[in-house]
């Protein structure tokens, strides 16, 4: 007998995957002192023009283990989305 596991479908941008990753980071990686965080301007550039950001500028993969950076990225993405729909 073969067991089927529940696997919700994701879109072509892996939105569900990234939402789950965000939830995990927010719950497990607090960083109120913002130790090791890249400059907010770097995170804004990551949202606006991701092809021009290096891992070095992002302090390697720091953003995947920092709730503060994740919150800021979520806010920046929301602002970009809102400004795109208001034009």
PDB file of N, CA and C in Angstrom:
ATOM      1  N   UNK A   1       0.844  -1.171   0.000  1.00  0.00           N
ATOM      2  CA  UNK A   1       0.000   0.000   0.000  1.00  0.00           C
ATOM      3  C   UNK A   1       0.895   1.242   0.000  1.00  0.00           C
ATOM      4  N   UNK A   2       0.598   2.178  -0.888  1.00  0.00           N
ATOM      5  CA  UNK A   2       1.377   3.403  -0.999  1.00  0.00           C
ATOM      6  C   UNK A   2       0.683   4.532  -0.265  1.00  0.00           C
ATOM      7  N   UNK A   3       1.424   5.216   0.598  1.00  0.00           N
ATOM      8  CA  UNK A   3       0.862   6.363   1.301  1.00  0.00           C
ATOM      9  C   UNK A   3       1.040   7.605   0.462  1.00  0.00           C
ATOM     10  N   UNK A   4       0.010   8.421   0.449  1.00  0.00           N
ATOM     11  CA  UNK A   4       0.104   9.704  -0.243  1.00  0.00           C
ATOM     12  C   UNK A   4       0.273  10.783   0.817  1.00  0.00           C
ATOM     13  N   UNK A   5       1.212  11.650   0.600  1.00  0.00           N
ATOM     14  CA  UNK A   5       1.393  12.742   1.543  1.00  0.00           C
ATOM     15  C   UNK A   5       0.719  13.989   0.985  1.00  0.00           C
ATOM     16  N   UNK A   6       0.252  14.817   1.870  1.00  0.00           N
ATOM     17  CA  UNK A   6      -0.363  16.064   1.456  1.00  0.00           C
ATOM     18  C   UNK A   6       0.734  17.023   1.027  1.00  0.00           C
ATOM     19  N   UNK A   7       0.619  17.500  -0.173  1.00  0.00           N
ATOM     20  CA  UNK A   7       1.599  18.436  -0.702  1.00  0.00           C
ATOM     21  C   UNK A   7       0.869  19.527  -1.467  1.00  0.00           C
ATOM     22  N   UNK A   8       0.653  20.671  -0.801  1.00  0.00           N
ATOM     23  CA  UNK A   8      -0.044  21.742  -1.510  1.00  0.00           C
ATOM     24  C   UNK A   8       0.764  22.196  -2.717  1.00  0.00           C
ATOM     25  N   UNK A   9       0.077  22.576  -3.742  1.00  0.00           N
ATOM     26  CA  UNK A   9       0.777  23.016  -4.946  1.00  0.00           C
ATOM     27  C   UNK A   9       1.321  24.415  -4.747  1.00  0.00           C
ATOM     28  N   UNK A  10       2.442  24.649  -5.347  1.00  0.00           N
ATOM     29  CA  UNK A  10       3.109  25.933  -5.277  1.00  0.00           C
ATOM     30  C   UNK A  10       3.058  26.565  -6.654  1.00  0.00           C
ATOM     31  N   UNK A  11       3.338  27.833  -6.736  1.00  0.00           N
ATOM     32  CA  UNK A  11       3.352  28.482  -8.040  1.00  0.00           C
ATOM     33  C   UNK A  11       4.754  28.445  -8.626  1.00  0.00           C
ATOM     34  N   UNK A  12       4.911  29.007  -9.804  1.00  0.00           N
ATOM     35  CA  UNK A  12       6.206  28.958 -10.498  1.00  0.00           C
ATOM     36  C   UNK A  12       7.301  29.748  -9.784  1.00  0.00           C
ATOM     37  N   UNK A  13       6.915  30.649  -8.878  1.00  0.00           N
ATOM     38  CA  UNK A  13       7.905  31.423  -8.122  1.00  0.00           C
ATOM     39  C   UNK A  13       8.197  30.804  -6.758  1.00  0.00           C
ATOM     40  N   UNK A  14       7.651  29.641  -6.488  1.00  0.00           N
ATOM     41  CA  UNK A  14       7.848  28.962  -5.197  1.00  0.00           C
ATOM     42  C   UNK A  14       7.393  29.826  -4.025  1.00  0.00           C
ATOM     43  N   UNK A  15       6.292  30.524  -4.209  1.00  0.00           N
ATOM     44  CA  UNK A  15       5.786  31.434  -3.179  1.00  0.00           C
ATOM     45  C   UNK A  15       5.524  30.711  -1.867  1.00  0.00           C
ATOM     46  N   UNK A  16       4.886  29.557  -1.924  1.00  0.00           N
ATOM     47  CA  UNK A  16       4.584  28.809  -0.704  1.00  0.00           C
ATOM     48  C   UNK A  16       5.869  28.443   0.037  1.00  0.00           C
ATOM     49  N   UNK A  17       6.861  28.000  -0.686  1.00  0.00           N
ATOM     50  CA  UNK A  17       8.151  27.653  -0.081  1.00  0.00           C
ATOM     51  C   UNK A  17       8.743  28.862   0.652  1.00  0.00           C
ATOM     52  N   UNK A  18       8.745  30.013  -0.001  1.00  0.00           N
ATOM     53  CA  UNK A  18       9.324  31.202   0.618  1.00  0.00           C
ATOM     54  C   UNK A  18       8.495  31.706   1.797  1.00  0.00           C
ATOM     55  N   UNK A  19       7.188  31.544   1.730  1.00  0.00           N
ATOM     56  CA  UNK A  19       6.348  31.927   2.868  1.00  0.00           C
ATOM     57  C   UNK A  19       6.654  31.050   4.076  1.00  0.00           C
ATOM     58  N   UNK A  20       6.828  29.754   3.850  1.00  0.00           N
ATOM     59  CA  UNK A  20       7.167  28.839   4.946  1.00  0.00           C
ATOM     60  C   UNK A  20       8.556  29.154   5.509  1.00  0.00           C
ATOM     61  N   UNK A  21       9.486  29.481   4.642  1.00  0.00           N
ATOM     62  CA  UNK A  21      10.824  29.862   5.087  1.00  0.00           C
ATOM     63  C   UNK A  21      10.753  31.123   5.941  1.00  0.00           C
ATOM     64  N   UNK A  22       9.993  32.106   5.495  1.00  0.00           N
ATOM     65  CA  UNK A  22       9.826  33.342   6.274  1.00  0.00           C
ATOM     66  C   UNK A  22       9.260  33.034   7.653  1.00  0.00           C
ATOM     67  N   UNK A  23       8.208  32.218   7.708  1.00  0.00           N
ATOM     68  CA  UNK A  23       7.602  31.855   8.988  1.00  0.00           C
ATOM     69  C   UNK A  23       8.627  31.209   9.913  1.00  0.00           C
ATOM     70  N   UNK A  24       9.435  30.324   9.362  1.00  0.00           N
ATOM     71  CA  UNK A  24      10.453  29.632  10.156  1.00  0.00           C
ATOM     72  C   UNK A  24      11.487  30.618  10.709  1.00  0.00           C
ATOM     73  N   UNK A  25      11.969  31.496   9.857  1.00  0.00           N
ATOM     74  CA  UNK A  25      12.979  32.475  10.279  1.00  0.00           C
ATOM     75  C   UNK A  25      12.401  33.403  11.342  1.00  0.00           C
ATOM     76  N   UNK A  26      11.188  33.889  11.129  1.00  0.00           N
ATOM     77  CA  UNK A  26      10.567  34.792  12.103  1.00  0.00           C
ATOM     78  C   UNK A  26      10.396  34.125  13.467  1.00  0.00           C
ATOM     79  N   UNK A  27      10.079  32.845  13.459  1.00  0.00           N
ATOM     80  CA  UNK A  27       9.834  32.121  14.710  1.00  0.00           C
ATOM     81  C   UNK A  27      11.109  31.685  15.425  1.00  0.00           C
ATOM     82  N   UNK A  28      12.181  31.433  14.667  1.00  0.00           N
ATOM     83  CA  UNK A  28      13.343  30.782  15.275  1.00  0.00           C
ATOM     84  C   UNK A  28      14.644  31.582  15.280  1.00  0.00           C
ATOM     85  N   UNK A  29      14.680  32.732  14.625  1.00  0.00           N
ATOM     86  CA  UNK A  29      15.939  33.471  14.527  1.00  0.00           C
ATOM     87  C   UNK A  29      15.780  34.947  14.881  1.00  0.00           C
ATOM     88  N   UNK A  30      15.388  35.251  16.125  1.00  0.00           N
ATOM     89  CA  UNK A  30      15.304  36.656  16.506  1.00  0.00           C
ATOM     90  C   UNK A  30      16.697  37.290  16.512  1.00  0.00           C
ATOM     91  N   UNK A  31      16.748  38.547  16.179  1.00  0.00           N
ATOM     92  CA  UNK A  31      18.029  39.265  16.168  1.00  0.00           C
ATOM     93  C   UNK A  31      17.760  40.740  16.492  1.00  0.00           C
ATOM     94  N   UNK A  32      17.237  41.010  17.701  1.00  0.00           N
ATOM     95  CA  UNK A  32      16.869  42.391  18.026  1.00  0.00           C
ATOM     96  C   UNK A  32      18.048  43.368  18.002  1.00  0.00           C
ATOM     97  N   UNK A  33      19.250  42.862  18.205  1.00  0.00           N
ATOM     98  CA  UNK A  33      20.432  43.741  18.157  1.00  0.00           C
ATOM     99  C   UNK A  33      20.907  43.980  16.728  1.00  0.00           C
ATOM    100  N   UNK A  34      20.290  43.271  15.772  1.00  0.00           N
ATOM    101  CA  UNK A  34      20.613  43.368  14.344  1.00  0.00           C
ATOM    102  C   UNK A  34      22.095  43.090  14.081  1.00  0.00           C
ATOM    103  N   UNK A  35      22.633  42.092  14.759  1.00  0.00           N
ATOM    104  CA  UNK A  35      24.032  41.698  14.565  1.00  0.00           C
ATOM    105  C   UNK A  35      24.211  41.044  13.208  1.00  0.00           C
ATOM    106  N   UNK A  36      25.143  41.575  12.419  1.00  0.00           N
ATOM    107  CA  UNK A  36      25.470  40.996  11.123  1.00  0.00           C
ATOM    108  C   UNK A  36      24.530  41.378   9.994  1.00  0.00           C
ATOM    109  N   UNK A  37      23.554  42.228  10.271  1.00  0.00           N
ATOM    110  CA  UNK A  37      22.577  42.602   9.239  1.00  0.00           C
ATOM    111  C   UNK A  37      23.215  43.488   8.174  1.00  0.00           C
ATOM    112  N   UNK A  38      22.882  43.241   6.918  1.00  0.00           N
ATOM    113  CA  UNK A  38      23.332  44.148   5.868  1.00  0.00           C
ATOM    114  C   UNK A  38      22.607  45.487   6.005  1.00  0.00           C
ATOM    115  N   UNK A  39      23.165  46.499   5.395  1.00  0.00           N
ATOM    116  CA  UNK A  39      22.555  47.824   5.397  1.00  0.00           C
ATOM    117  C   UNK A  39      21.149  47.742   4.791  1.00  0.00           C
ATOM    118  N   UNK A  40      20.182  48.468   5.350  1.00  0.00           N
ATOM    119  CA  UNK A  40      18.837  48.453   4.765  1.00  0.00           C
ATOM    120  C   UNK A  40      18.812  48.820   3.280  1.00  0.00           C
ATOM    121  N   UNK A  41      19.724  49.668   2.842  1.00  0.00           N
ATOM    122  CA  UNK A  41      19.787  50.024   1.416  1.00  0.00           C
ATOM    123  C   UNK A  41      20.128  48.808   0.557  1.00  0.00           C
ATOM    124  N   UNK A  42      20.924  47.902   1.092  1.00  0.00           N
ATOM    125  CA  UNK A  42      21.265  46.669   0.374  1.00  0.00           C
ATOM    126  C   UNK A  42      20.020  45.793   0.244  1.00  0.00           C
ATOM    127  N   UNK A  43      19.237  45.708   1.310  1.00  0.00           N
ATOM    128  CA  UNK A  43      18.013  44.904   1.257  1.00  0.00           C
ATOM    129  C   UNK A  43      17.010  45.523   0.285  1.00  0.00           C
ATOM    130  N   UNK A  44      16.935  46.844   0.249  1.00  0.00           N
ATOM    131  CA  UNK A  44      16.046  47.508  -0.719  1.00  0.00           C
ATOM    132  C   UNK A  44      16.514  47.207  -2.141  1.00  0.00           C
ATOM    133  N   UNK A  45      17.813  47.226  -2.363  1.00  0.00           N
ATOM    134  CA  UNK A  45      18.341  46.886  -3.682  1.00  0.00           C
ATOM    135  C   UNK A  45      18.037  45.444  -4.047  1.00  0.00           C
ATOM    136  N   UNK A  46      18.049  44.566  -3.055  1.00  0.00           N
ATOM    137  CA  UNK A  46      17.713  43.161  -3.299  1.00  0.00           C
ATOM    138  C   UNK A  46      16.276  43.040  -3.834  1.00  0.00           C
ATOM    139  N   UNK A  47      15.384  43.845  -3.322  1.00  0.00           N
ATOM    140  CA  UNK A  47      13.992  43.834  -3.780  1.00  0.00           C
ATOM    141  C   UNK A  47      13.867  44.494  -5.150  1.00  0.00           C
ATOM    142  N   UNK A  48      14.537  45.625  -5.324  1.00  0.00           N
ATOM    143  CA  UNK A  48      14.396  46.406  -6.560  1.00  0.00           C
ATOM    144  C   UNK A  48      15.174  45.841  -7.742  1.00  0.00           C
ATOM    145  N   UNK A  49      16.359  45.322  -7.482  1.00  0.00           N
ATOM    146  CA  UNK A  49      17.225  44.853  -8.571  1.00  0.00           C
ATOM    147  C   UNK A  49      18.102  43.707  -8.068  1.00  0.00           C
ATOM    148  N   UNK A  50      17.514  42.536  -7.829  1.00  0.00           N
ATOM    149  CA  UNK A  50      18.233  41.433  -7.191  1.00  0.00           C
ATOM    150  C   UNK A  50      19.469  40.951  -7.949  1.00  0.00           C
ATOM    151  N   UNK A  51      19.514  41.148  -9.245  1.00  0.00           N
ATOM    152  CA  UNK A  51      20.657  40.691 -10.033  1.00  0.00           C
ATOM    153  C   UNK A  51      21.939  41.452  -9.756  1.00  0.00           C
ATOM    154  N   UNK A  52      21.821  42.615  -9.133  1.00  0.00           N
ATOM    155  CA  UNK A  52      23.001  43.430  -8.855  1.00  0.00           C
ATOM    156  C   UNK A  52      23.490  43.334  -7.419  1.00  0.00           C
ATOM    157  N   UNK A  53      22.962  42.390  -6.652  1.00  0.00           N
ATOM    158  CA  UNK A  53      23.382  42.217  -5.262  1.00  0.00           C
ATOM    159  C   UNK A  53      24.234  40.959  -5.150  1.00  0.00           C
ATOM    160  N   UNK A  54      25.342  41.090  -4.451  1.00  0.00           N
ATOM    161  CA  UNK A  54      26.231  39.944  -4.254  1.00  0.00           C
ATOM    162  C   UNK A  54      25.974  39.299  -2.893  1.00  0.00           C
ATOM    163  N   UNK A  55      26.359  38.051  -2.767  1.00  0.00           N
ATOM    164  CA  UNK A  55      26.265  37.396  -1.461  1.00  0.00           C
ATOM    165  C   UNK A  55      27.107  38.113  -0.427  1.00  0.00           C
ATOM    166  N   UNK A  56      28.220  38.669  -0.858  1.00  0.00           N
ATOM    167  CA  UNK A  56      29.075  39.419   0.057  1.00  0.00           C
ATOM    168  C   UNK A  56      28.329  40.623   0.631  1.00  0.00           C
ATOM    169  N   UNK A  57      27.593  41.337  -0.228  1.00  0.00           N
ATOM    170  CA  UNK A  57      26.827  42.502   0.231  1.00  0.00           C
ATOM    171  C   UNK A  57      25.737  42.095   1.219  1.00  0.00           C
ATOM    172  N   UNK A  58      25.233  40.882   1.075  1.00  0.00           N
ATOM    173  CA  UNK A  58      24.185  40.368   1.960  1.00  0.00           C
ATOM    174  C   UNK A  58      24.764  39.677   3.199  1.00  0.00           C
ATOM    175  N   UNK A  59      26.074  39.773   3.401  1.00  0.00           N
ATOM    176  CA  UNK A  59      26.741  39.039   4.491  1.00  0.00           C
ATOM    177  C   UNK A  59      26.436  37.550   4.351  1.00  0.00           C
ATOM    178  N   UNK A  60      26.732  37.065   3.157  1.00  0.00           N
ATOM    179  CA  UNK A  60      26.457  35.681   2.760  1.00  0.00           C
ATOM    180  C   UNK A  60      24.961  35.407   2.868  1.00  0.00           C
ATOM    181  N   UNK A  61      24.567  34.436   3.606  1.00  0.00           N
ATOM    182  CA  UNK A  61      23.153  34.071   3.678  1.00  0.00           C
ATOM    183  C   UNK A  61      22.515  34.498   5.003  1.00  0.00           C
ATOM    184  N   UNK A  62      23.022  35.578   5.567  1.00  0.00           N
ATOM    185  CA  UNK A  62      22.526  36.099   6.847  1.00  0.00           C
ATOM    186  C   UNK A  62      21.004  36.248   6.862  1.00  0.00           C
ATOM    187  N   UNK A  63      20.427  36.713   5.763  1.00  0.00           N
ATOM    188  CA  UNK A  63      18.986  36.992   5.746  1.00  0.00           C
ATOM    189  C   UNK A  63      18.136  35.754   5.979  1.00  0.00           C
ATOM    190  N   UNK A  64      18.705  34.571   5.765  1.00  0.00           N
ATOM    191  CA  UNK A  64      17.956  33.339   6.006  1.00  0.00           C
ATOM    192  C   UNK A  64      17.967  32.920   7.465  1.00  0.00           C
ATOM    193  N   UNK A  65      18.706  33.665   8.286  1.00  0.00           N
ATOM    194  CA  UNK A  65      18.762  33.352   9.715  1.00  0.00           C
ATOM    195  C   UNK A  65      18.620  34.619  10.544  1.00  0.00           C
ATOM    196  N   UNK A  66      17.760  35.530  10.074  1.00  0.00           N
ATOM    197  CA  UNK A  66      17.571  36.787  10.801  1.00  0.00           C
ATOM    198  C   UNK A  66      16.132  37.258  10.643  1.00  0.00           C
ATOM    199  N   UNK A  67      15.403  37.241  11.741  1.00  0.00           N
ATOM    200  CA  UNK A  67      14.012  37.682  11.718  1.00  0.00           C
ATOM    201  C   UNK A  67      13.903  39.159  11.353  1.00  0.00           C
ATOM    202  N   UNK A  68      14.840  39.970  11.818  1.00  0.00           N
ATOM    203  CA  UNK A  68      14.771  41.413  11.536  1.00  0.00           C
ATOM    204  C   UNK A  68      14.931  41.693  10.040  1.00  0.00           C
ATOM    205  N   UNK A  69      15.870  41.042   9.392  1.00  0.00           N
ATOM    206  CA  UNK A  69      16.048  41.218   7.945  1.00  0.00           C
ATOM    207  C   UNK A  69      14.837  40.690   7.190  1.00  0.00           C
ATOM    208  N   UNK A  70      14.296  39.573   7.642  1.00  0.00           N
ATOM    209  CA  UNK A  70      13.118  38.994   7.002  1.00  0.00           C
ATOM    210  C   UNK A  70      11.939  39.948   7.103  1.00  0.00           C
ATOM    211  N   UNK A  71      11.737  40.551   8.283  1.00  0.00           N
ATOM    212  CA  UNK A  71      10.643  41.514   8.449  1.00  0.00           C
ATOM    213  C   UNK A  71      10.815  42.704   7.505  1.00  0.00           C
ATOM    214  N   UNK A  72      12.044  43.215   7.427  1.00  0.00           N
ATOM    215  CA  UNK A  72      12.299  44.360   6.556  1.00  0.00           C
ATOM    216  C   UNK A  72      12.078  43.984   5.094  1.00  0.00           C
ATOM    217  N   UNK A  73      12.529  42.814   4.684  1.00  0.00           N
ATOM    218  CA  UNK A  73      12.319  42.375   3.305  1.00  0.00           C
ATOM    219  C   UNK A  73      10.826  42.231   2.998  1.00  0.00           C
ATOM    220  N   UNK A  74      10.071  41.703   3.928  1.00  0.00           N
ATOM    221  CA  UNK A  74       8.625  41.563   3.734  1.00  0.00           C
ATOM    222  C   UNK A  74       7.981  42.940   3.563  1.00  0.00           C
ATOM    223  N   UNK A  75       8.393  43.885   4.395  1.00  0.00           N
ATOM    224  CA  UNK A  75       7.866  45.250   4.322  1.00  0.00           C
ATOM    225  C   UNK A  75       8.229  45.895   2.985  1.00  0.00           C
ATOM    226  N   UNK A  76       9.474  45.744   2.563  1.00  0.00           N
ATOM    227  CA  UNK A  76       9.923  46.336   1.300  1.00  0.00           C
ATOM    228  C   UNK A  76       9.192  45.728   0.104  1.00  0.00           C
ATOM    229  N   UNK A  77       8.975  44.415   0.139  1.00  0.00           N
ATOM    230  CA  UNK A  77       8.226  43.764  -0.948  1.00  0.00           C
ATOM    231  C   UNK A  77       6.788  44.272  -0.995  1.00  0.00           C
ATOM    232  N   UNK A  78       6.181  44.435   0.186  1.00  0.00           N
ATOM    233  CA  UNK A  78       4.801  44.926   0.247  1.00  0.00           C
ATOM    234  C   UNK A  78       4.724  46.356  -0.302  1.00  0.00           C
ATOM    235  N   UNK A  79       5.671  47.208   0.085  1.00  0.00           N
ATOM    236  CA  UNK A  79       5.683  48.591  -0.416  1.00  0.00           C
ATOM    237  C   UNK A  79       5.852  48.616  -1.932  1.00  0.00           C
ATOM    238  N   UNK A  80       6.725  47.759  -2.445  1.00  0.00           N
ATOM    239  CA  UNK A  80       6.933  47.713  -3.893  1.00  0.00           C
ATOM    240  C   UNK A  80       5.664  47.251  -4.594  1.00  0.00           C
ATOM    241  N   UNK A  81       5.018  46.250  -4.031  1.00  0.00           N
ATOM    242  CA  UNK A  81       3.781  45.735  -4.613  1.00  0.00           C
ATOM    243  C   UNK A  81       2.703  46.821  -4.614  1.00  0.00           C
ATOM    244  N   UNK A  82       2.584  47.549  -3.506  1.00  0.00           N
ATOM    245  CA  UNK A  82       1.579  48.612  -3.401  1.00  0.00           C
ATOM    246  C   UNK A  82       1.875  49.757  -4.371  1.00  0.00           C
ATOM    247  N   UNK A  83       3.125  50.123  -4.509  1.00  0.00           N
ATOM    248  CA  UNK A  83       3.466  51.219  -5.419  1.00  0.00           C
ATOM    249  C   UNK A  83       3.259  50.805  -6.875  1.00  0.00           C
ATOM    250  N   UNK A  84       3.395  49.537  -7.152  1.00  0.00           N
ATOM    251  CA  UNK A  84       3.172  49.037  -8.510  1.00  0.00           C
ATOM    252  C   UNK A  84       1.709  49.021  -8.890  1.00  0.00           C
ATOM    253  N   UNK A  85       0.825  48.856  -7.891  1.00  0.00           N
ATOM    254  CA  UNK A  85      -0.602  48.823  -8.183  1.00  0.00           C
ATOM    255  C   UNK A  85      -1.234  50.201  -8.133  1.00  0.00           C
ATOM    256  N   UNK A  86      -0.545  51.170  -7.529  1.00  0.00           N
ATOM    257  CA  UNK A  86      -1.118  52.511  -7.418  1.00  0.00           C
ATOM    258  C   UNK A  86      -0.783  53.404  -8.590  1.00  0.00           C
ATOM    259  N   UNK A  87       0.077  52.928  -9.496  1.00  0.00           N
ATOM    260  CA  UNK A  87       0.457  53.752 -10.623  1.00  0.00           C
ATOM    261  C   UNK A  87      -0.494  53.621 -11.769  1.00  0.00           C
TER     262      UNK A  87
END
